[in-house]
C-alpha cells in the first residue's frame, strides 16, 4: 500500500505540474506590463510615424487653403467684371489719395467691389491670419499698371478693358506680401508690388508661392521665385513686348 500510495502521490504531483504548465493565465500573470526597452521601442516608433505624417498633414491642410484662396480670387474676378460692366468697362484704381471727404482714411480698390461681393472674407487670404488692420488683407492690386491714387501718379487709372492687349497674360490682383516682409515700413497689403525694389514682397505663403488673378478671370499659382523673375515686366505689365 505504501508503494501504491507513493506511486499515486507521485502520479498526482506530476499531473498537477502538467496542469500548471498548460495554463496560459499563469504565464500572463507572471509577465504583467512592459519592460523599459519595449516601452522605448514603442515610443521611438510613434515618434518616427509622427515625423513622417505631420508634414503630410500640414501640406494637405495648406493645399486646402490654397484652393480656398483661389476660390476667393475667382469670385473677386467676377466682382471686378461686374464693376467694369457698371462703370463703362473700366477698372477701379488701387486707392484714392487724397481721399474723398467721405473717406478720410482713404478709399481702396476692394471697397469699390463691396457691392458685388457681399462677403468681407473674400479679401482675406486663408493662409494669412496674422497682423492688424490692413496688414491682414490677403490680396493686392497691381497698382503700377491699373492706377494708384486716383490723381494720375501712375498710368492705367480707370483703364478700359479694351486697352489691355493680353488679358490672359496680365495679373490684376494677387496674393499680397507676407507679414513682416519689410522692416521698419508699414505693410500696405492692398498693393501688389510689381517692381524689383520690392522683391521681398512677393508672397511665399502657399507652399513657396502665391495665387494670382489674371485680367481674363483665370487664377493660377506661381512660385515666389517665378514671380520675382517677373518683377517690372512679364505678367505684371500690360505691355506685351516686355
C-alpha atoms as a PDB file:
ATOM      1  CA  UNK A   1       0.000   0.000   0.000  1.00  0.00           C
ATOM      2  CA  UNK A   2       2.793   2.332   0.742  1.00  0.00           C
ATOM      3  CA  UNK A   3       4.235   1.761  -2.676  1.00  0.00           C
ATOM      4  CA  UNK A   4       0.911   2.258  -4.287  1.00  0.00           C
ATOM      5  CA  UNK A   5       0.293   5.364  -2.268  1.00  0.00           C
ATOM      6  CA  UNK A   6       3.724   6.634  -3.107  1.00  0.00           C
ATOM      7  CA  UNK A   7       3.136   5.962  -6.726  1.00  0.00           C
ATOM      8  CA  UNK A   8      -0.236   7.650  -6.517  1.00  0.00           C
ATOM      9  CA  UNK A   9       1.279  10.623  -4.867  1.00  0.00           C
ATOM     10  CA  UNK A  10       3.966  10.821  -7.479  1.00  0.00           C
ATOM     11  CA  UNK A  11       1.402  10.478 -10.217  1.00  0.00           C
ATOM     12  CA  UNK A  12      -0.786  13.154  -8.581  1.00  0.00           C
ATOM     13  CA  UNK A  13       2.110  15.556  -8.280  1.00  0.00           C
ATOM     14  CA  UNK A  14       3.034  15.002 -11.876  1.00  0.00           C
ATOM     15  CA  UNK A  15      -0.486  15.689 -13.093  1.00  0.00           C
ATOM     16  CA  UNK A  16      -0.563  18.935 -11.113  1.00  0.00           C
ATOM     17  CA  UNK A  17       2.668  20.054 -12.738  1.00  0.00           C
ATOM     18  CA  UNK A  18       1.252  19.285 -16.153  1.00  0.00           C
ATOM     19  CA  UNK A  19      -1.878  21.330 -15.435  1.00  0.00           C
ATOM     20  CA  UNK A  20       0.097  24.304 -14.195  1.00  0.00           C
ATOM     21  CA  UNK A  21       2.354  24.197 -17.235  1.00  0.00           C
ATOM     22  CA  UNK A  22      -0.621  24.116 -19.563  1.00  0.00           C
ATOM     23  CA  UNK A  23      -2.470  27.111 -18.072  1.00  0.00           C
ATOM     24  CA  UNK A  24      -1.721  30.293 -20.092  1.00  0.00           C
ATOM     25  CA  UNK A  25      -3.261  32.505 -17.420  1.00  0.00           C
ATOM     26  CA  UNK A  26      -0.351  31.891 -15.061  1.00  0.00           C
ATOM     27  CA  UNK A  27       2.161  32.950 -17.757  1.00  0.00           C
ATOM     28  CA  UNK A  28       0.233  36.165 -18.400  1.00  0.00           C
ATOM     29  CA  UNK A  29       0.023  36.961 -14.707  1.00  0.00           C
ATOM     30  CA  UNK A  30       3.737  36.343 -14.394  1.00  0.00           C
ATOM     31  CA  UNK A  31       4.501  38.855 -17.210  1.00  0.00           C
ATOM     32  CA  UNK A  32       2.338  41.849 -16.391  1.00  0.00           C
ATOM     33  CA  UNK A  33       3.443  45.179 -18.123  1.00  0.00           C
ATOM     34  CA  UNK A  34       6.292  46.031 -20.497  1.00  0.00           C
ATOM     35  CA  UNK A  35       9.986  46.219 -19.989  1.00  0.00           C
ATOM     36  CA  UNK A  36      11.792  49.541 -20.345  1.00  0.00           C
ATOM     37  CA  UNK A  37      13.277  48.502 -23.674  1.00  0.00           C
ATOM     38  CA  UNK A  38       9.858  47.613 -25.062  1.00  0.00           C
ATOM     39  CA  UNK A  39       8.470  50.986 -23.998  1.00  0.00           C
ATOM     40  CA  UNK A  40      11.369  52.809 -25.623  1.00  0.00           C
ATOM     41  CA  UNK A  41      10.851  50.890 -28.855  1.00  0.00           C
ATOM     42  CA  UNK A  42       7.151  51.807 -28.925  1.00  0.00           C
ATOM     43  CA  UNK A  43       7.916  55.474 -28.228  1.00  0.00           C
ATOM     44  CA  UNK A  44      10.548  55.504 -30.976  1.00  0.00           C
ATOM     45  CA  UNK A  45       8.076  54.023 -33.480  1.00  0.00           C
ATOM     46  CA  UNK A  46       5.435  56.616 -32.576  1.00  0.00           C
ATOM     47  CA  UNK A  47       7.986  59.421 -32.937  1.00  0.00           C
ATOM     48  CA  UNK A  48       9.047  58.178 -36.367  1.00  0.00           C
ATOM     49  CA  UNK A  49       5.439  57.917 -37.561  1.00  0.00           C
ATOM     50  CA  UNK A  50       4.685  61.417 -36.260  1.00  0.00           C
ATOM     51  CA  UNK A  51       7.731  62.832 -38.037  1.00  0.00           C
ATOM     52  CA  UNK A  52       6.549  61.257 -41.272  1.00  0.00           C
ATOM     53  CA  UNK A  53       2.830  62.046 -41.027  1.00  0.00           C
ATOM     54  CA  UNK A  54       2.741  65.546 -39.535  1.00  0.00           C
ATOM     55  CA  UNK A  55       4.388  67.215 -42.575  1.00  0.00           C
ATOM     56  CA  UNK A  56       1.991  65.304 -44.808  1.00  0.00           C
ATOM     57  CA  UNK A  57      -0.974  66.606 -42.826  1.00  0.00           C
ATOM     58  CA  UNK A  58       0.452  70.149 -42.920  1.00  0.00           C
ATOM     59  CA  UNK A  59       0.868  70.009 -46.703  1.00  0.00           C
ATOM     60  CA  UNK A  60      -2.649  68.669 -47.121  1.00  0.00           C
ATOM     61  CA  UNK A  61      -4.023  71.468 -44.947  1.00  0.00           C
ATOM     62  CA  UNK A  62      -2.125  74.069 -46.959  1.00  0.00           C
ATOM     63  CA  UNK A  63      -3.427  72.561 -50.206  1.00  0.00           C
ATOM     64  CA  UNK A  64      -6.922  73.152 -48.887  1.00  0.00           C
ATOM     65  CA  UNK A  65      -6.097  76.748 -48.014  1.00  0.00           C
ATOM     66  CA  UNK A  66      -4.575  77.289 -51.452  1.00  0.00           C
ATOM     67  CA  UNK A  67      -7.764  76.026 -53.091  1.00  0.00           C
ATOM     68  CA  UNK A  68      -9.850  78.314 -50.859  1.00  0.00           C
ATOM     69  CA  UNK A  69      -7.599  81.248 -51.779  1.00  0.00           C
ATOM     70  CA  UNK A  70      -8.030  80.517 -55.477  1.00  0.00           C
ATOM     71  CA  UNK A  71     -11.793  80.436 -54.994  1.00  0.00           C
ATOM     72  CA  UNK A  72     -11.633  83.868 -53.327  1.00  0.00           C
ATOM     73  CA  UNK A  73      -9.702  85.299 -56.251  1.00  0.00           C
ATOM     74  CA  UNK A  74     -12.082  83.835 -58.814  1.00  0.00           C
ATOM     75  CA  UNK A  75     -15.006  85.477 -57.020  1.00  0.00           C
ATOM     76  CA  UNK A  76     -13.091  88.751 -56.891  1.00  0.00           C
ATOM     77  CA  UNK A  77     -12.565  88.392 -60.632  1.00  0.00           C
ATOM     78  CA  UNK A  78     -16.312  88.033 -61.161  1.00  0.00           C
ATOM     79  CA  UNK A  79     -16.940  91.080 -58.957  1.00  0.00           C
ATOM     80  CA  UNK A  80     -14.341  93.027 -60.947  1.00  0.00           C
ATOM     81  CA  UNK A  81     -16.113  92.201 -64.224  1.00  0.00           C
ATOM     82  CA  UNK A  82     -19.456  93.250 -62.723  1.00  0.00           C
ATOM     83  CA  UNK A  83     -17.906  96.548 -61.604  1.00  0.00           C
ATOM     84  CA  UNK A  84     -16.499  97.116 -65.083  1.00  0.00           C
ATOM     85  CA  UNK A  85     -19.888  96.473 -66.682  1.00  0.00           C
ATOM     86  CA  UNK A  86     -21.462  99.103 -64.438  1.00  0.00           C
ATOM     87  CA  UNK A  87     -18.705 101.684 -64.995  1.00  0.00           C
ATOM     88  CA  UNK A  88     -18.178 101.928 -68.746  1.00  0.00           C
ATOM     89  CA  UNK A  89     -15.899  98.892 -68.990  1.00  0.00           C
ATOM     90  CA  UNK A  90     -13.118 100.365 -66.826  1.00  0.00           C
ATOM     91  CA  UNK A  91     -11.267  99.107 -63.747  1.00  0.00           C
ATOM     92  CA  UNK A  92     -11.237 100.824 -60.359  1.00  0.00           C
ATOM     93  CA  UNK A  93      -7.984 102.261 -59.035  1.00  0.00           C
ATOM     94  CA  UNK A  94      -5.946 100.916 -56.152  1.00  0.00           C
ATOM     95  CA  UNK A  95      -6.696 103.806 -53.801  1.00  0.00           C
ATOM     96  CA  UNK A  96      -7.635 107.466 -53.672  1.00  0.00           C
ATOM     97  CA  UNK A  97      -5.151 109.981 -52.230  1.00  0.00           C
ATOM     98  CA  UNK A  98      -6.138 112.497 -51.114  1.00  0.00           C
ATOM     99  CA  UNK A  99      -9.225 110.601 -50.080  1.00  0.00           C
ATOM    100  CA  UNK A 100     -12.686 111.952 -50.826  1.00  0.00           C
ATOM    101  CA  UNK A 101     -14.348 113.750 -47.905  1.00  0.00           C
ATOM    102  CA  UNK A 102     -16.458 110.699 -47.077  1.00  0.00           C
ATOM    103  CA  UNK A 103     -13.368 108.528 -46.674  1.00  0.00           C
ATOM    104  CA  UNK A 104     -10.808 110.442 -44.586  1.00  0.00           C
ATOM    105  CA  UNK A 105      -8.773 107.255 -44.025  1.00  0.00           C
ATOM    106  CA  UNK A 106      -8.516 106.511 -47.746  1.00  0.00           C
ATOM    107  CA  UNK A 107     -10.515 104.555 -50.253  1.00  0.00           C
ATOM    108  CA  UNK A 108      -9.201 101.284 -51.649  1.00  0.00           C
ATOM    109  CA  UNK A 109      -9.921  99.022 -54.590  1.00  0.00           C
ATOM    110  CA  UNK A 110     -11.668  96.341 -52.542  1.00  0.00           C
ATOM    111  CA  UNK A 111     -14.167  98.911 -51.283  1.00  0.00           C
ATOM    112  CA  UNK A 112     -15.141  99.555 -54.888  1.00  0.00           C
ATOM    113  CA  UNK A 113     -16.037  95.859 -55.138  1.00  0.00           C
ATOM    114  CA  UNK A 114     -18.016  95.708 -51.884  1.00  0.00           C
ATOM    115  CA  UNK A 115     -21.424  95.958 -53.587  1.00  0.00           C
ATOM    116  CA  UNK A 116     -20.561  92.914 -55.700  1.00  0.00           C
ATOM    117  CA  UNK A 117     -19.049  90.529 -53.172  1.00  0.00           C
ATOM    118  CA  UNK A 118     -21.206  90.946 -50.028  1.00  0.00           C
ATOM    119  CA  UNK A 119     -18.644  88.978 -48.043  1.00  0.00           C
ATOM    120  CA  UNK A 120     -15.672  90.633 -46.399  1.00  0.00           C
ATOM    121  CA  UNK A 121     -13.940  87.256 -46.008  1.00  0.00           C
ATOM    122  CA  UNK A 122     -13.208  87.176 -49.735  1.00  0.00           C
ATOM    123  CA  UNK A 123     -10.413  89.719 -49.348  1.00  0.00           C
ATOM    124  CA  UNK A 124      -8.721  87.725 -46.565  1.00  0.00           C
ATOM    125  CA  UNK A 125      -6.307  85.027 -47.653  1.00  0.00           C
ATOM    126  CA  UNK A 126      -6.907  81.879 -45.545  1.00  0.00           C
ATOM    127  CA  UNK A 127      -3.145  81.428 -45.131  1.00  0.00           C
ATOM    128  CA  UNK A 128      -2.613  84.972 -43.856  1.00  0.00           C
ATOM    129  CA  UNK A 129      -4.321  85.152 -40.484  1.00  0.00           C
ATOM    130  CA  UNK A 130      -1.932  87.392 -38.578  1.00  0.00           C
ATOM    131  CA  UNK A 131      -1.428  91.130 -38.447  1.00  0.00           C
ATOM    132  CA  UNK A 132      -3.775  94.016 -37.707  1.00  0.00           C
ATOM    133  CA  UNK A 133      -5.883  96.283 -39.866  1.00  0.00           C
ATOM    134  CA  UNK A 134      -4.813  96.453 -43.498  1.00  0.00           C
ATOM    135  CA  UNK A 135      -1.945  94.068 -42.796  1.00  0.00           C
ATOM    136  CA  UNK A 136      -4.492  91.269 -42.728  1.00  0.00           C
ATOM    137  CA  UNK A 137      -5.571  91.876 -46.328  1.00  0.00           C
ATOM    138  CA  UNK A 138      -4.705  88.856 -48.389  1.00  0.00           C
ATOM    139  CA  UNK A 139      -4.773  90.381 -51.861  1.00  0.00           C
ATOM    140  CA  UNK A 140      -3.156  93.333 -53.555  1.00  0.00           C
ATOM    141  CA  UNK A 141      -3.939  95.399 -56.654  1.00  0.00           C
ATOM    142  CA  UNK A 142      -1.437  95.734 -59.493  1.00  0.00           C
ATOM    143  CA  UNK A 143      -1.234  99.481 -58.975  1.00  0.00           C
ATOM    144  CA  UNK A 144       1.756 100.048 -61.261  1.00  0.00           C
ATOM    145  CA  UNK A 145      -0.426  99.258 -64.275  1.00  0.00           C
ATOM    146  CA  UNK A 146      -4.002  99.813 -63.123  1.00  0.00           C
ATOM    147  CA  UNK A 147      -3.869 103.002 -61.107  1.00  0.00           C
ATOM    148  CA  UNK A 148      -2.523 104.029 -57.739  1.00  0.00           C
ATOM    149  CA  UNK A 149      -4.038 107.105 -56.113  1.00  0.00           C
ATOM    150  CA  UNK A 150      -6.750 108.465 -58.387  1.00  0.00           C
ATOM    151  CA  UNK A 151      -4.807 111.594 -59.328  1.00  0.00           C
ATOM    152  CA  UNK A 152      -2.611 110.217 -62.098  1.00  0.00           C
ATOM    153  CA  UNK A 153       0.533 109.346 -60.165  1.00  0.00           C
ATOM    154  CA  UNK A 154       0.805 106.105 -62.136  1.00  0.00           C
ATOM    155  CA  UNK A 155      -0.605 105.236 -65.569  1.00  0.00           C
ATOM    156  CA  UNK A 156      -3.548 102.954 -66.124  1.00  0.00           C
ATOM    157  CA  UNK A 157      -6.073 104.591 -63.825  1.00  0.00           C
ATOM    158  CA  UNK A 158      -9.594 103.631 -64.856  1.00  0.00           C
ATOM    159  CA  UNK A 159      -8.143 101.596 -67.696  1.00  0.00           C
ATOM    160  CA  UNK A 160     -10.727 100.364 -70.219  1.00  0.00           C
ATOM    161  CA  UNK A 161     -10.801  96.614 -70.621  1.00  0.00           C
ATOM    162  CA  UNK A 162     -10.319  97.046 -74.360  1.00  0.00           C
ATOM    163  CA  UNK A 163      -6.917  98.660 -73.733  1.00  0.00           C
ATOM    164  CA  UNK A 164      -5.468  95.504 -72.184  1.00  0.00           C
ATOM    165  CA  UNK A 165      -3.781  93.731 -75.112  1.00  0.00           C
ATOM    166  CA  UNK A 166      -3.092  90.422 -73.356  1.00  0.00           C
ATOM    167  CA  UNK A 167      -5.659  89.912 -70.578  1.00  0.00           C
ATOM    168  CA  UNK A 168      -4.810  86.207 -70.255  1.00  0.00           C
ATOM    169  CA  UNK A 169      -1.179  87.102 -69.521  1.00  0.00           C
ATOM    170  CA  UNK A 170      -1.633  90.125 -67.240  1.00  0.00           C
ATOM    171  CA  UNK A 171      -2.114  89.948 -63.475  1.00  0.00           C
ATOM    172  CA  UNK A 172      -4.564  92.390 -61.903  1.00  0.00           C
ATOM    173  CA  UNK A 173      -4.934  91.045 -58.322  1.00  0.00           C
ATOM    174  CA  UNK A 174      -2.794  88.562 -56.433  1.00  0.00           C
ATOM    175  CA  UNK A 175      -1.570  87.346 -53.079  1.00  0.00           C
ATOM    176  CA  UNK A 176      -0.064  90.375 -51.378  1.00  0.00           C
ATOM    177  CA  UNK A 177       3.126  90.360 -49.364  1.00  0.00           C
ATOM    178  CA  UNK A 178       3.552  88.069 -46.406  1.00  0.00           C
ATOM    179  CA  UNK A 179       3.505  89.607 -42.941  1.00  0.00           C
ATOM    180  CA  UNK A 180       6.811  91.229 -41.869  1.00  0.00           C
ATOM    181  CA  UNK A 181       8.301  91.042 -45.356  1.00  0.00           C
ATOM    182  CA  UNK A 182       9.584  94.577 -44.879  1.00  0.00           C
ATOM    183  CA  UNK A 183      11.452  96.058 -41.947  1.00  0.00           C
ATOM    184  CA  UNK A 184      10.519  99.435 -40.446  1.00  0.00           C
ATOM    185  CA  UNK A 185       7.954 100.061 -43.170  1.00  0.00           C
ATOM    186  CA  UNK A 186       4.225  99.785 -42.630  1.00  0.00           C
ATOM    187  CA  UNK A 187       2.802  96.863 -44.538  1.00  0.00           C
ATOM    188  CA  UNK A 188       0.437  98.012 -47.288  1.00  0.00           C
ATOM    189  CA  UNK A 189      -1.124  94.718 -48.227  1.00  0.00           C
ATOM    190  CA  UNK A 190      -3.722  96.265 -50.518  1.00  0.00           C
ATOM    191  CA  UNK A 191      -0.972  96.733 -53.139  1.00  0.00           C
ATOM    192  CA  UNK A 192       0.562  94.085 -55.328  1.00  0.00           C
ATOM    193  CA  UNK A 193       4.158  95.266 -55.545  1.00  0.00           C
ATOM    194  CA  UNK A 194       5.485  94.631 -59.009  1.00  0.00           C
ATOM    195  CA  UNK A 195       8.905  96.272 -59.179  1.00  0.00           C
ATOM    196  CA  UNK A 196      12.317  94.913 -58.281  1.00  0.00           C
ATOM    197  CA  UNK A 197      12.511  97.484 -55.466  1.00  0.00           C
ATOM    198  CA  UNK A 198      10.091  95.298 -53.523  1.00  0.00           C
ATOM    199  CA  UNK A 199      11.390  91.872 -54.426  1.00  0.00           C
ATOM    200  CA  UNK A 200      10.922  90.747 -50.816  1.00  0.00           C
ATOM    201  CA  UNK A 201       7.199  91.487 -51.055  1.00  0.00           C
ATOM    202  CA  UNK A 202       6.351  88.541 -53.286  1.00  0.00           C
ATOM    203  CA  UNK A 203       4.108  86.062 -51.467  1.00  0.00           C
ATOM    204  CA  UNK A 204       5.518  82.657 -50.487  1.00  0.00           C
ATOM    205  CA  UNK A 205       2.841  81.527 -48.050  1.00  0.00           C
ATOM    206  CA  UNK A 206       1.192  78.950 -50.308  1.00  0.00           C
ATOM    207  CA  UNK A 207       3.849  76.228 -50.361  1.00  0.00           C
ATOM    208  CA  UNK A 208       6.504  78.676 -51.511  1.00  0.00           C
ATOM    209  CA  UNK A 209       4.315  80.712 -53.848  1.00  0.00           C
ATOM    210  CA  UNK A 210       1.068  82.596 -54.291  1.00  0.00           C
ATOM    211  CA  UNK A 211      -2.150  82.771 -56.299  1.00  0.00           C
ATOM    212  CA  UNK A 212      -2.805  85.397 -58.963  1.00  0.00           C
ATOM    213  CA  UNK A 213      -5.906  86.597 -60.773  1.00  0.00           C
ATOM    214  CA  UNK A 214      -5.454  87.495 -64.437  1.00  0.00           C
ATOM    215  CA  UNK A 215      -7.460  90.056 -66.350  1.00  0.00           C
ATOM    216  CA  UNK A 216      -9.375  87.368 -68.242  1.00  0.00           C
ATOM    217  CA  UNK A 217     -10.655  85.914 -64.959  1.00  0.00           C
ATOM    218  CA  UNK A 218      -8.495  82.805 -64.571  1.00  0.00           C
ATOM    219  CA  UNK A 219      -6.431  82.161 -61.443  1.00  0.00           C
ATOM    220  CA  UNK A 220      -3.035  80.498 -61.318  1.00  0.00           C
ATOM    221  CA  UNK A 221      -0.494  79.558 -58.673  1.00  0.00           C
ATOM    222  CA  UNK A 222       3.092  80.735 -59.218  1.00  0.00           C
ATOM    223  CA  UNK A 223       6.155  80.089 -57.112  1.00  0.00           C
ATOM    224  CA  UNK A 224       7.736  83.057 -55.394  1.00  0.00           C
ATOM    225  CA  UNK A 225      10.887  82.553 -57.408  1.00  0.00           C
ATOM    226  CA  UNK A 226       8.952  82.721 -60.680  1.00  0.00           C
ATOM    227  CA  UNK A 227       7.170  85.923 -59.718  1.00  0.00           C
ATOM    228  CA  UNK A 228      10.373  87.606 -58.567  1.00  0.00           C
ATOM    229  CA  UNK A 229      11.710  86.965 -62.039  1.00  0.00           C
ATOM    230  CA  UNK A 230       8.652  88.740 -63.475  1.00  0.00           C
ATOM    231  CA  UNK A 231       9.010  91.933 -61.430  1.00  0.00           C
ATOM    232  CA  UNK A 232       8.770  95.030 -63.581  1.00  0.00           C
ATOM    233  CA  UNK A 233       7.853  93.052 -66.683  1.00  0.00           C
ATOM    234  CA  UNK A 234       6.024  89.940 -67.860  1.00  0.00           C
ATOM    235  CA  UNK A 235       2.707  89.228 -66.138  1.00  0.00           C
ATOM    236  CA  UNK A 236       2.919  92.425 -64.108  1.00  0.00           C
ATOM    237  CA  UNK A 237       2.682  94.730 -67.114  1.00  0.00           C
ATOM    238  CA  UNK A 238       0.089  95.323 -69.805  1.00  0.00           C
ATOM    239  CA  UNK A 239       2.839  95.815 -72.367  1.00  0.00           C
ATOM    240  CA  UNK A 240       3.059  92.568 -74.360  1.00  0.00           C
ATOM    241  CA  UNK A 241       6.585  93.349 -75.552  1.00  0.00           C
ATOM    242  CA  UNK A 242       8.037  93.198 -72.015  1.00  0.00           C
END
